[in-house]
PDB file of all heavy atoms in Angstrom:
ATOM      1  N   ARG A   1      -4.209   0.803   0.267  1.00  0.00           N
ATOM      2  CA  ARG A   1      -3.205   1.447  -0.514  1.00  0.00           C
ATOM      3  C   ARG A   1      -2.875   2.852   0.029  1.00  0.00           C
ATOM      4  O   ARG A   1      -1.690   3.201   0.101  1.00  0.00           O
ATOM      5  CB  ARG A   1      -3.706   1.577  -1.989  1.00  0.00           C
ATOM      6  CG  ARG A   1      -2.650   2.244  -2.891  1.00  0.00           C
ATOM      7  CD  ARG A   1      -3.181   2.500  -4.288  1.00  0.00           C
ATOM      8  NE  ARG A   1      -2.190   3.167  -5.075  1.00  0.00           N
ATOM      9  CZ  ARG A   1      -1.235   2.567  -5.804  1.00  0.00           C
ATOM     10  NH1 ARG A   1      -1.219   1.237  -5.856  1.00  0.00           N
ATOM     11  NH2 ARG A   1      -0.329   3.244  -6.474  1.00  0.00           N
ATOM     12  N   THR A   2      -3.855   3.596   0.401  1.00  0.00           N
ATOM     13  CA  THR A   2      -3.624   4.925   0.939  1.00  0.00           C
ATOM     14  C   THR A   2      -2.728   4.867   2.191  1.00  0.00           C
ATOM     15  O   THR A   2      -1.795   5.645   2.331  1.00  0.00           O
ATOM     16  CB  THR A   2      -4.955   5.600   1.302  1.00  0.00           C
ATOM     17  OG1 THR A   2      -5.716   5.778   0.125  1.00  0.00           O
ATOM     18  CG2 THR A   2      -4.730   6.972   1.936  1.00  0.00           C
ATOM     19  N   ALA A   3      -2.998   3.883   3.070  1.00  0.00           N
ATOM     20  CA  ALA A   3      -2.221   3.732   4.275  1.00  0.00           C
ATOM     21  C   ALA A   3      -0.786   3.298   3.931  1.00  0.00           C
ATOM     22  O   ALA A   3       0.183   3.808   4.546  1.00  0.00           O
ATOM     23  CB  ALA A   3      -2.858   2.710   5.210  1.00  0.00           C
ATOM     24  N   MET A   4      -0.659   2.367   2.988  1.00  0.00           N
ATOM     25  CA  MET A   4       0.700   1.907   2.624  1.00  0.00           C
ATOM     26  C   MET A   4       1.525   3.065   2.020  1.00  0.00           C
ATOM     27  O   MET A   4       2.687   3.218   2.322  1.00  0.00           O
ATOM     28  CB  MET A   4       0.581   0.749   1.628  1.00  0.00           C
ATOM     29  CG  MET A   4       0.140  -0.557   2.232  1.00  0.00           C
ATOM     30  SD  MET A   4      -0.179  -1.854   0.977  1.00  0.00           S
ATOM     31  CE  MET A   4       1.373  -1.894   0.108  1.00  0.00           C
ATOM     32  N   GLU A   5       0.905   3.852   1.180  1.00  0.00           N
ATOM     33  CA  GLU A   5       1.629   4.975   0.575  1.00  0.00           C
ATOM     34  C   GLU A   5       2.075   5.985   1.605  1.00  0.00           C
ATOM     35  O   GLU A   5       3.194   6.524   1.549  1.00  0.00           O
ATOM     36  CB  GLU A   5       0.729   5.641  -0.469  1.00  0.00           C
ATOM     37  CG  GLU A   5       0.568   4.790  -1.745  1.00  0.00           C
ATOM     38  CD  GLU A   5      -0.365   5.467  -2.732  1.00  0.00           C
ATOM     39  OE1 GLU A   5      -1.286   6.199  -2.322  1.00  0.00           O
ATOM     40  OE2 GLU A   5      -0.180   5.233  -3.949  1.00  0.00           O
ATOM     41  N   ALA A   6       1.191   6.259   2.603  1.00  0.00           N
ATOM     42  CA  ALA A   6       1.545   7.204   3.667  1.00  0.00           C
ATOM     43  C   ALA A   6       2.718   6.676   4.499  1.00  0.00           C
ATOM     44  O   ALA A   6       3.634   7.425   4.851  1.00  0.00           O
ATOM     45  CB  ALA A   6       0.344   7.510   4.526  1.00  0.00           C
ATOM     46  N   LEU A   7       2.673   5.364   4.796  1.00  0.00           N
ATOM     47  CA  LEU A   7       3.765   4.791   5.597  1.00  0.00           C
ATOM     48  C   LEU A   7       5.063   4.788   4.818  1.00  0.00           C
ATOM     49  O   LEU A   7       6.128   5.051   5.409  1.00  0.00           O
ATOM     50  CB  LEU A   7       3.400   3.338   6.000  1.00  0.00           C
ATOM     51  CG  LEU A   7       2.260   3.231   7.052  1.00  0.00           C
ATOM     52  CD1 LEU A   7       1.772   1.788   7.112  1.00  0.00           C
ATOM     53  CD2 LEU A   7       2.766   3.683   8.407  1.00  0.00           C
ATOM     54  N   LEU A   8       4.992   4.433   3.552  1.00  0.00           N
ATOM     55  CA  LEU A   8       6.219   4.432   2.741  1.00  0.00           C
ATOM     56  C   LEU A   8       6.798   5.823   2.623  1.00  0.00           C
ATOM     57  O   LEU A   8       8.036   6.020   2.705  1.00  0.00           O
ATOM     58  CB  LEU A   8       5.928   3.856   1.347  1.00  0.00           C
ATOM     59  CG  LEU A   8       7.144   3.809   0.396  1.00  0.00           C
ATOM     60  CD1 LEU A   8       8.281   2.970   1.011  1.00  0.00           C
ATOM     61  CD2 LEU A   8       6.721   3.233  -0.949  1.00  0.00           C
ATOM     62  N   ASP A   9       5.938   6.823   2.429  1.00  0.00           N
ATOM     63  CA  ASP A   9       6.418   8.218   2.369  1.00  0.00           C
ATOM     64  C   ASP A   9       7.104   8.591   3.658  1.00  0.00           C
ATOM     65  O   ASP A   9       8.201   9.235   3.641  1.00  0.00           O
ATOM     66  CB  ASP A   9       5.245   9.125   2.098  1.00  0.00           C
ATOM     67  CG  ASP A   9       5.679  10.600   1.992  1.00  0.00           C
ATOM     68  OD1 ASP A   9       6.357  10.952   0.994  1.00  0.00           O
ATOM     69  OD2 ASP A   9       5.342  11.410   2.891  1.00  0.00           O
ATOM     70  N   GLU A  10       6.515   8.198   4.814  1.00  0.00           N
ATOM     71  CA  GLU A  10       7.162   8.506   6.082  1.00  0.00           C
ATOM     72  C   GLU A  10       8.486   7.778   6.225  1.00  0.00           C
ATOM     73  O   GLU A  10       9.487   8.385   6.694  1.00  0.00           O
ATOM     74  CB  GLU A  10       6.219   8.122   7.227  1.00  0.00           C
ATOM     75  CG  GLU A  10       6.792   8.413   8.612  1.00  0.00           C
ATOM     76  CD  GLU A  10       5.878   8.002   9.737  1.00  0.00           C
ATOM     77  OE1 GLU A  10       4.745   7.594   9.484  1.00  0.00           O
ATOM     78  OE2 GLU A  10       6.345   8.034  10.896  1.00  0.00           O
ATOM     79  N   ALA A  11       8.537   6.509   5.822  1.00  0.00           N
ATOM     80  CA  ALA A  11       9.774   5.749   5.909  1.00  0.00           C
ATOM     81  C   ALA A  11      10.884   6.375   5.089  1.00  0.00           C
ATOM     82  O   ALA A  11      12.033   6.462   5.517  1.00  0.00           O
ATOM     83  CB  ALA A  11       9.533   4.291   5.507  1.00  0.00           C
ATOM     84  N   GLN A  12      10.533   6.811   3.860  1.00  0.00           N
ATOM     85  CA  GLN A  12      11.531   7.391   2.951  1.00  0.00           C
ATOM     86  C   GLN A  12      12.008   8.746   3.476  1.00  0.00           C
ATOM     87  O   GLN A  12      13.220   9.030   3.450  1.00  0.00           O
ATOM     88  CB  GLN A  12      10.927   7.554   1.575  1.00  0.00           C
ATOM     89  CG  GLN A  12      10.649   6.241   0.845  1.00  0.00           C
ATOM     90  CD  GLN A  12       9.869   6.407  -0.414  1.00  0.00           C
ATOM     91  OE1 GLN A  12       9.129   7.382  -0.592  1.00  0.00           O
ATOM     92  NE2 GLN A  12       9.991   5.455  -1.327  1.00  0.00           N
ATOM     93  N   ARG A  13      11.097   9.540   3.996  1.00  0.00           N
ATOM     94  CA  ARG A  13      11.476  10.902   4.419  1.00  0.00           C
ATOM     95  C   ARG A  13      12.200  10.937   5.753  1.00  0.00           C
ATOM     96  O   ARG A  13      12.853  11.924   6.074  1.00  0.00           O
ATOM     97  CB  ARG A  13      10.266  11.822   4.383  1.00  0.00           C
ATOM     98  CG  ARG A  13       9.697  12.005   2.956  1.00  0.00           C
ATOM     99  CD  ARG A  13       8.563  12.992   2.901  1.00  0.00           C
ATOM    100  NE  ARG A  13       8.007  13.060   1.552  1.00  0.00           N
ATOM    101  CZ  ARG A  13       8.550  13.716   0.539  1.00  0.00           C
ATOM    102  NH1 ARG A  13       9.667  14.392   0.710  1.00  0.00           N
ATOM    103  NH2 ARG A  13       7.977  13.714  -0.669  1.00  0.00           N
ATOM    104  N   THR A  14      12.020   9.891   6.568  1.00  0.00           N
ATOM    105  CA  THR A  14      12.710   9.882   7.862  1.00  0.00           C
ATOM    106  C   THR A  14      13.904   8.915   7.848  1.00  0.00           C
ATOM    107  O   THR A  14      14.527   8.735   8.913  1.00  0.00           O
ATOM    108  CB  THR A  14      11.747   9.439   8.975  1.00  0.00           C
ATOM    109  OG1 THR A  14      11.230   8.100   8.709  1.00  0.00           O
ATOM    110  CG2 THR A  14      10.552  10.419   9.076  1.00  0.00           C
ATOM    111  N   TYR A  15      14.231   8.378   6.691  1.00  0.00           N
ATOM    112  CA  TYR A  15      15.355   7.451   6.565  1.00  0.00           C
ATOM    113  C   TYR A  15      16.654   8.171   6.967  1.00  0.00           C
ATOM    114  O   TYR A  15      16.933   9.295   6.504  1.00  0.00           O
ATOM    115  CB  TYR A  15      15.434   6.918   5.147  1.00  0.00           C
ATOM    116  CG  TYR A  15      16.422   5.789   4.959  1.00  0.00           C
ATOM    117  CD1 TYR A  15      16.178   4.541   5.535  1.00  0.00           C
ATOM    118  CD2 TYR A  15      17.555   5.972   4.164  1.00  0.00           C
ATOM    119  CE1 TYR A  15      17.060   3.473   5.337  1.00  0.00           C
ATOM    120  CE2 TYR A  15      18.446   4.936   3.975  1.00  0.00           C
ATOM    121  CZ  TYR A  15      18.180   3.667   4.559  1.00  0.00           C
ATOM    122  OH  TYR A  15      19.072   2.644   4.360  1.00  0.00           O
ATOM    123  N   PRO A  16      17.458   7.574   7.844  1.00  0.00           N
ATOM    124  CA  PRO A  16      18.600   8.312   8.427  1.00  0.00           C
ATOM    125  C   PRO A  16      19.855   8.404   7.528  1.00  0.00           C
ATOM    126  O   PRO A  16      20.810   9.109   7.912  1.00  0.00           O
ATOM    127  CB  PRO A  16      18.904   7.538   9.702  1.00  0.00           C
ATOM    128  CG  PRO A  16      18.505   6.150   9.350  1.00  0.00           C
ATOM    129  CD  PRO A  16      17.280   6.266   8.478  1.00  0.00           C
ATOM    130  N   GLN A  17      19.884   7.713   6.384  1.00  0.00           N
ATOM    131  CA  GLN A  17      21.070   7.756   5.570  1.00  0.00           C
ATOM    132  C   GLN A  17      20.761   8.373   4.192  1.00  0.00           C
ATOM    133  O   GLN A  17      19.638   8.294   3.735  1.00  0.00           O
ATOM    134  CB  GLN A  17      21.658   6.344   5.410  1.00  0.00           C
ATOM    135  CG  GLN A  17      22.130   5.725   6.720  1.00  0.00           C
ATOM    136  CD  GLN A  17      22.607   4.295   6.588  1.00  0.00           C
ATOM    137  OE1 GLN A  17      22.213   3.575   5.653  1.00  0.00           O
ATOM    138  NE2 GLN A  17      23.394   3.828   7.569  1.00  0.00           N
ATOM    139  N   GLN A  18      21.780   8.945   3.577  1.00  0.00           N
ATOM    140  CA  GLN A  18      21.629   9.611   2.292  1.00  0.00           C
ATOM    141  C   GLN A  18      22.575   9.002   1.276  1.00  0.00           C
ATOM    142  O   GLN A  18      23.573   8.336   1.641  1.00  0.00           O
ATOM    143  CB  GLN A  18      21.956  11.118   2.440  1.00  0.00           C
ATOM    144  CG  GLN A  18      21.007  11.833   3.376  1.00  0.00           C
ATOM    145  CD  GLN A  18      19.577  11.834   2.858  1.00  0.00           C
ATOM    146  OE1 GLN A  18      19.300  11.973   1.670  1.00  0.00           O
ATOM    147  NE2 GLN A  18      18.608  11.659   3.767  1.00  0.00           N
ATOM    148  N   PRO A  19      22.283   9.176  -0.030  1.00  0.00           N
ATOM    149  CA  PRO A  19      23.204   8.676  -1.056  1.00  0.00           C
ATOM    150  C   PRO A  19      24.614   9.216  -0.858  1.00  0.00           C
ATOM    151  O   PRO A  19      24.796  10.362  -0.409  1.00  0.00           O
ATOM    152  CB  PRO A  19      22.593   9.192  -2.339  1.00  0.00           C
ATOM    153  CG  PRO A  19      21.119   9.340  -2.036  1.00  0.00           C
ATOM    154  CD  PRO A  19      21.095   9.806  -0.590  1.00  0.00           C
ATOM    155  N   GLU A  20      25.620   8.425  -1.231  1.00  0.00           N
ATOM    156  CA  GLU A  20      26.999   8.822  -1.009  1.00  0.00           C
ATOM    157  C   GLU A  20      27.560   9.632  -2.196  1.00  0.00           C
ATOM    158  O   GLU A  20      28.698  10.052  -2.130  1.00  0.00           O
ATOM    159  CB  GLU A  20      27.838   7.544  -0.793  1.00  0.00           C
ATOM    160  CG  GLU A  20      27.451   6.803   0.474  1.00  0.00           C
ATOM    161  CD  GLU A  20      28.140   5.460   0.608  1.00  0.00           C
ATOM    162  OE1 GLU A  20      28.973   5.130  -0.295  1.00  0.00           O
ATOM    163  OE2 GLU A  20      27.918   4.774   1.617  1.00  0.00           O
ATOM    164  N   GLY A  21      26.743   9.832  -3.218  1.00  0.00           N
ATOM    165  CA  GLY A  21      27.210  10.612  -4.356  1.00  0.00           C
ATOM    166  C   GLY A  21      26.295  10.386  -5.536  1.00  0.00           C
ATOM    167  O   GLY A  21      25.317   9.636  -5.461  1.00  0.00           O
ATOM    168  N   PRO A  22      26.589  10.994  -6.692  1.00  0.00           N
ATOM    169  CA  PRO A  22      25.717  10.886  -7.856  1.00  0.00           C
ATOM    170  C   PRO A  22      25.539   9.420  -8.318  1.00  0.00           C
ATOM    171  O   PRO A  22      24.486   9.102  -8.871  1.00  0.00           O
ATOM    172  CB  PRO A  22      26.483  11.709  -8.917  1.00  0.00           C
ATOM    173  CG  PRO A  22      27.308  12.673  -8.140  1.00  0.00           C
ATOM    174  CD  PRO A  22      27.720  11.960  -6.874  1.00  0.00           C
ATOM    175  N   ASP A  23      26.525   8.585  -8.134  1.00  0.00           N
ATOM    176  CA  ASP A  23      26.429   7.172  -8.555  1.00  0.00           C
ATOM    177  C   ASP A  23      25.652   6.336  -7.598  1.00  0.00           C
ATOM    178  O   ASP A  23      25.414   5.153  -7.856  1.00  0.00           O
ATOM    179  CB  ASP A  23      27.856   6.593  -8.728  1.00  0.00           C
ATOM    180  CG  ASP A  23      28.618   7.230  -9.865  1.00  0.00           C
ATOM    181  OD1 ASP A  23      27.987   7.753 -10.787  1.00  0.00           O
ATOM    182  OD2 ASP A  23      29.888   7.199  -9.809  1.00  0.00           O
ATOM    183  N   ASP A  24      25.242   6.909  -6.483  1.00  0.00           N
ATOM    184  CA  ASP A  24      24.496   6.191  -5.436  1.00  0.00           C
ATOM    185  C   ASP A  24      23.036   6.633  -5.324  1.00  0.00           C
ATOM    186  O   ASP A  24      22.412   6.438  -4.305  1.00  0.00           O
ATOM    187  CB  ASP A  24      25.225   6.345  -4.097  1.00  0.00           C
ATOM    188  CG  ASP A  24      24.744   5.351  -3.047  1.00  0.00           C
ATOM    189  OD1 ASP A  24      24.473   4.179  -3.415  1.00  0.00           O
ATOM    190  OD2 ASP A  24      24.634   5.718  -1.890  1.00  0.00           O
ATOM    191  N   LEU A  25      22.545   7.235  -6.396  1.00  0.00           N
ATOM    192  CA  LEU A  25      21.155   7.738  -6.369  1.00  0.00           C
ATOM    193  C   LEU A  25      20.137   6.689  -6.846  1.00  0.00           C
ATOM    194  O   LEU A  25      18.945   6.935  -6.803  1.00  0.00           O
ATOM    195  CB  LEU A  25      21.036   8.969  -7.252  1.00  0.00           C
ATOM    196  CG  LEU A  25      21.746  10.247  -6.752  1.00  0.00           C
ATOM    197  CD1 LEU A  25      21.692  11.296  -7.878  1.00  0.00           C
ATOM    198  CD2 LEU A  25      21.087  10.774  -5.496  1.00  0.00           C
ATOM    199  N   TRP A  26      20.616   5.502  -7.234  1.00  0.00           N
ATOM    200  CA  TRP A  26      19.752   4.515  -7.827  1.00  0.00           C
ATOM    201  C   TRP A  26      18.669   4.014  -6.872  1.00  0.00           C
ATOM    202  O   TRP A  26      17.586   3.579  -7.331  1.00  0.00           O
ATOM    203  CB  TRP A  26      20.579   3.323  -8.324  1.00  0.00           C
ATOM    204  CG  TRP A  26      21.238   2.566  -7.212  1.00  0.00           C
ATOM    205  CD1 TRP A  26      22.488   2.747  -6.718  1.00  0.00           C
ATOM    206  CD2 TRP A  26      20.675   1.471  -6.450  1.00  0.00           C
ATOM    207  NE1 TRP A  26      22.740   1.860  -5.701  1.00  0.00           N
ATOM    208  CE2 TRP A  26      21.654   1.079  -5.493  1.00  0.00           C
ATOM    209  CE3 TRP A  26      19.446   0.820  -6.470  1.00  0.00           C
ATOM    210  CZ2 TRP A  26      21.419   0.061  -4.590  1.00  0.00           C
ATOM    211  CZ3 TRP A  26      19.208  -0.209  -5.551  1.00  0.00           C
ATOM    212  CH2 TRP A  26      20.181  -0.572  -4.641  1.00  0.00           C
ATOM    213  N   TRP A  27      18.919   4.059  -5.581  1.00  0.00           N
ATOM    214  CA  TRP A  27      17.964   3.489  -4.635  1.00  0.00           C
ATOM    215  C   TRP A  27      16.914   4.473  -4.163  1.00  0.00           C
ATOM    216  O   TRP A  27      16.070   4.151  -3.346  1.00  0.00           O
ATOM    217  CB  TRP A  27      18.694   2.892  -3.403  1.00  0.00           C
ATOM    218  CG  TRP A  27      19.628   3.784  -2.675  1.00  0.00           C
ATOM    219  CD1 TRP A  27      20.960   3.970  -2.918  1.00  0.00           C
ATOM    220  CD2 TRP A  27      19.330   4.559  -1.530  1.00  0.00           C
ATOM    221  NE1 TRP A  27      21.503   4.858  -2.019  1.00  0.00           N
ATOM    222  CE2 TRP A  27      20.536   5.246  -1.151  1.00  0.00           C
ATOM    223  CE3 TRP A  27      18.147   4.809  -0.792  1.00  0.00           C
ATOM    224  CZ2 TRP A  27      20.591   6.136  -0.058  1.00  0.00           C
ATOM    225  CZ3 TRP A  27      18.215   5.655   0.285  1.00  0.00           C
ATOM    226  CH2 TRP A  27      19.412   6.311   0.668  1.00  0.00           C
ATOM    227  N   LEU A  28      16.906   5.690  -4.702  1.00  0.00           N
ATOM    228  CA  LEU A  28      15.902   6.672  -4.393  1.00  0.00           C
ATOM    229  C   LEU A  28      14.928   6.786  -5.576  1.00  0.00           C
ATOM    230  O   LEU A  28      15.328   6.797  -6.728  1.00  0.00           O
ATOM    231  CB  LEU A  28      16.508   8.054  -4.124  1.00  0.00           C
ATOM    232  CG  LEU A  28      17.196   8.258  -2.773  1.00  0.00           C
ATOM    233  CD1 LEU A  28      17.716   9.676  -2.701  1.00  0.00           C
ATOM    234  CD2 LEU A  28      16.258   7.969  -1.612  1.00  0.00           C
ATOM    235  N   PRO A  29      13.597   6.915  -5.264  1.00  0.00           N
ATOM    236  CA  PRO A  29      12.636   7.127  -6.351  1.00  0.00           C
ATOM    237  C   PRO A  29      12.810   8.510  -6.971  1.00  0.00           C
ATOM    238  O   PRO A  29      13.425   9.405  -6.398  1.00  0.00           O
ATOM    239  CB  PRO A  29      11.286   6.989  -5.659  1.00  0.00           C
ATOM    240  CG  PRO A  29      11.556   7.332  -4.208  1.00  0.00           C
ATOM    241  CD  PRO A  29      12.960   6.867  -3.967  1.00  0.00           C
ATOM    242  N   ARG A  30      12.233   8.695  -8.136  1.00  0.00           N
ATOM    243  CA  ARG A  30      12.426   9.951  -8.892  1.00  0.00           C
ATOM    244  C   ARG A  30      11.922  11.148  -8.102  1.00  0.00           C
ATOM    245  O   ARG A  30      12.577  12.207  -8.136  1.00  0.00           O
ATOM    246  CB  ARG A  30      11.690   9.876 -10.222  1.00  0.00           C
ATOM    247  CG  ARG A  30      12.283   8.899 -11.228  1.00  0.00           C
ATOM    248  CD  ARG A  30      13.557   9.435 -11.829  1.00  0.00           C
ATOM    249  NE  ARG A  30      14.115   8.464 -12.808  1.00  0.00           N
ATOM    250  CZ  ARG A  30      13.801   8.413 -14.084  1.00  0.00           C
ATOM    251  NH1 ARG A  30      12.930   9.317 -14.569  1.00  0.00           N
ATOM    252  NH2 ARG A  30      14.294   7.499 -14.887  1.00  0.00           N
ATOM    253  N   HIS A  31      10.777  11.014  -7.417  1.00  0.00           N
ATOM    254  CA  HIS A  31      10.229  12.182  -6.732  1.00  0.00           C
ATOM    255  C   HIS A  31      11.034  12.653  -5.551  1.00  0.00           C
ATOM    256  O   HIS A  31      10.832  13.717  -5.017  1.00  0.00           O
ATOM    257  CB  HIS A  31       8.777  11.904  -6.303  1.00  0.00           C
ATOM    258  CG  HIS A  31       8.645  10.962  -5.163  1.00  0.00           C
ATOM    259  ND1 HIS A  31       8.611   9.588  -5.324  1.00  0.00           N
ATOM    260  CD2 HIS A  31       8.486  11.166  -3.846  1.00  0.00           C
ATOM    261  CE1 HIS A  31       8.463   9.007  -4.174  1.00  0.00           C
ATOM    262  NE2 HIS A  31       8.402   9.951  -3.234  1.00  0.00           N
ATOM    263  N   LEU A  32      12.051  11.847  -5.168  1.00  0.00           N
ATOM    264  CA  LEU A  32      12.969  12.242  -4.102  1.00  0.00           C
ATOM    265  C   LEU A  32      14.335  12.559  -4.649  1.00  0.00           C
ATOM    266  O   LEU A  32      15.301  12.648  -3.887  1.00  0.00           O
ATOM    267  CB  LEU A  32      13.059  11.166  -3.022  1.00  0.00           C
ATOM    268  CG  LEU A  32      11.779  10.927  -2.169  1.00  0.00           C
ATOM    269  CD1 LEU A  32      11.978   9.834  -1.143  1.00  0.00           C
ATOM    270  CD2 LEU A  32      11.361  12.205  -1.472  1.00  0.00           C
ATOM    271  N   GLY A  33      14.416  12.741  -5.980  1.00  0.00           N
ATOM    272  CA  GLY A  33      15.684  13.113  -6.574  1.00  0.00           C
ATOM    273  C   GLY A  33      16.577  11.954  -6.966  1.00  0.00           C
ATOM    274  O   GLY A  33      17.741  12.177  -7.327  1.00  0.00           O
ATOM    275  N   GLY A  34      16.044  10.731  -6.928  1.00  0.00           N
ATOM    276  CA  GLY A  34      16.809   9.578  -7.276  1.00  0.00           C
ATOM    277  C   GLY A  34      16.743   9.246  -8.754  1.00  0.00           C
ATOM    278  O   GLY A  34      16.069   9.938  -9.536  1.00  0.00           O
ATOM    279  N   THR A  35      17.431   8.163  -9.143  1.00  0.00           N
ATOM    280  CA  THR A  35      17.457   7.752 -10.535  1.00  0.00           C
ATOM    281  C   THR A  35      16.740   6.434 -10.799  1.00  0.00           C
ATOM    282  O   THR A  35      16.937   5.791 -11.819  1.00  0.00           O
ATOM    283  CB  THR A  35      18.911   7.670 -11.031  1.00  0.00           C
ATOM    284  OG1 THR A  35      19.634   6.730 -10.186  1.00  0.00           O
ATOM    285  CG2 THR A  35      19.601   8.997 -10.972  1.00  0.00           C
ATOM    286  N   ALA A  36      15.952   5.968  -9.845  1.00  0.00           N
ATOM    287  CA  ALA A  36      15.155   4.749 -10.044  1.00  0.00           C
ATOM    288  C   ALA A  36      14.208   4.944 -11.203  1.00  0.00           C
ATOM    289  O   ALA A  36      13.825   6.108 -11.495  1.00  0.00           O
ATOM    290  CB  ALA A  36      14.421   4.394  -8.760  1.00  0.00           C
ATOM    291  N   PRO A  37      13.750   3.871 -11.849  1.00  0.00           N
ATOM    292  CA  PRO A  37      12.795   4.022 -12.933  1.00  0.00           C
ATOM    293  C   PRO A  37      11.510   4.658 -12.432  1.00  0.00           C
ATOM    294  O   PRO A  37      11.153   4.512 -11.263  1.00  0.00           O
ATOM    295  CB  PRO A  37      12.555   2.579 -13.384  1.00  0.00           C
ATOM    296  CG  PRO A  37      13.699   1.802 -12.857  1.00  0.00           C
ATOM    297  CD  PRO A  37      14.158   2.482 -11.621  1.00  0.00           C
ATOM    298  N   THR A  38      10.809   5.362 -13.317  1.00  0.00           N
ATOM    299  CA  THR A  38       9.486   5.840 -12.955  1.00  0.00           C
ATOM    300  C   THR A  38       8.562   4.634 -12.870  1.00  0.00           C
ATOM    301  O   THR A  38       8.896   3.527 -13.267  1.00  0.00           O
ATOM    302  CB  THR A  38       8.952   6.808 -14.016  1.00  0.00           C
ATOM    303  OG1 THR A  38       8.796   6.095 -15.247  1.00  0.00           O
ATOM    304  CG2 THR A  38       9.892   7.964 -14.201  1.00  0.00           C
ATOM    305  N   LEU A  39       7.345   4.866 -12.351  1.00  0.00           N
ATOM    306  CA  LEU A  39       6.381   3.793 -12.239  1.00  0.00           C
ATOM    307  C   LEU A  39       6.073   3.170 -13.570  1.00  0.00           C
ATOM    308  O   LEU A  39       5.954   1.953 -13.783  1.00  0.00           O
ATOM    309  CB  LEU A  39       5.080   4.309 -11.602  1.00  0.00           C
ATOM    310  CG  LEU A  39       4.090   3.282 -11.011  1.00  0.00           C
ATOM    311  CD1 LEU A  39       4.777   2.386  -9.992  1.00  0.00           C
ATOM    312  CD2 LEU A  39       2.893   3.972 -10.402  1.00  0.00           C
TER     313      LEU A  39
END
């Protein structure tokens, strides 16, 4: 789990594309400023 979380964090933070506007925040988790549901 620790390794998976670290890899996912790296994948999210190095992802090359950003939301196109306020209506496109759904695919980001809350801790990265998105509007996806909390855990």
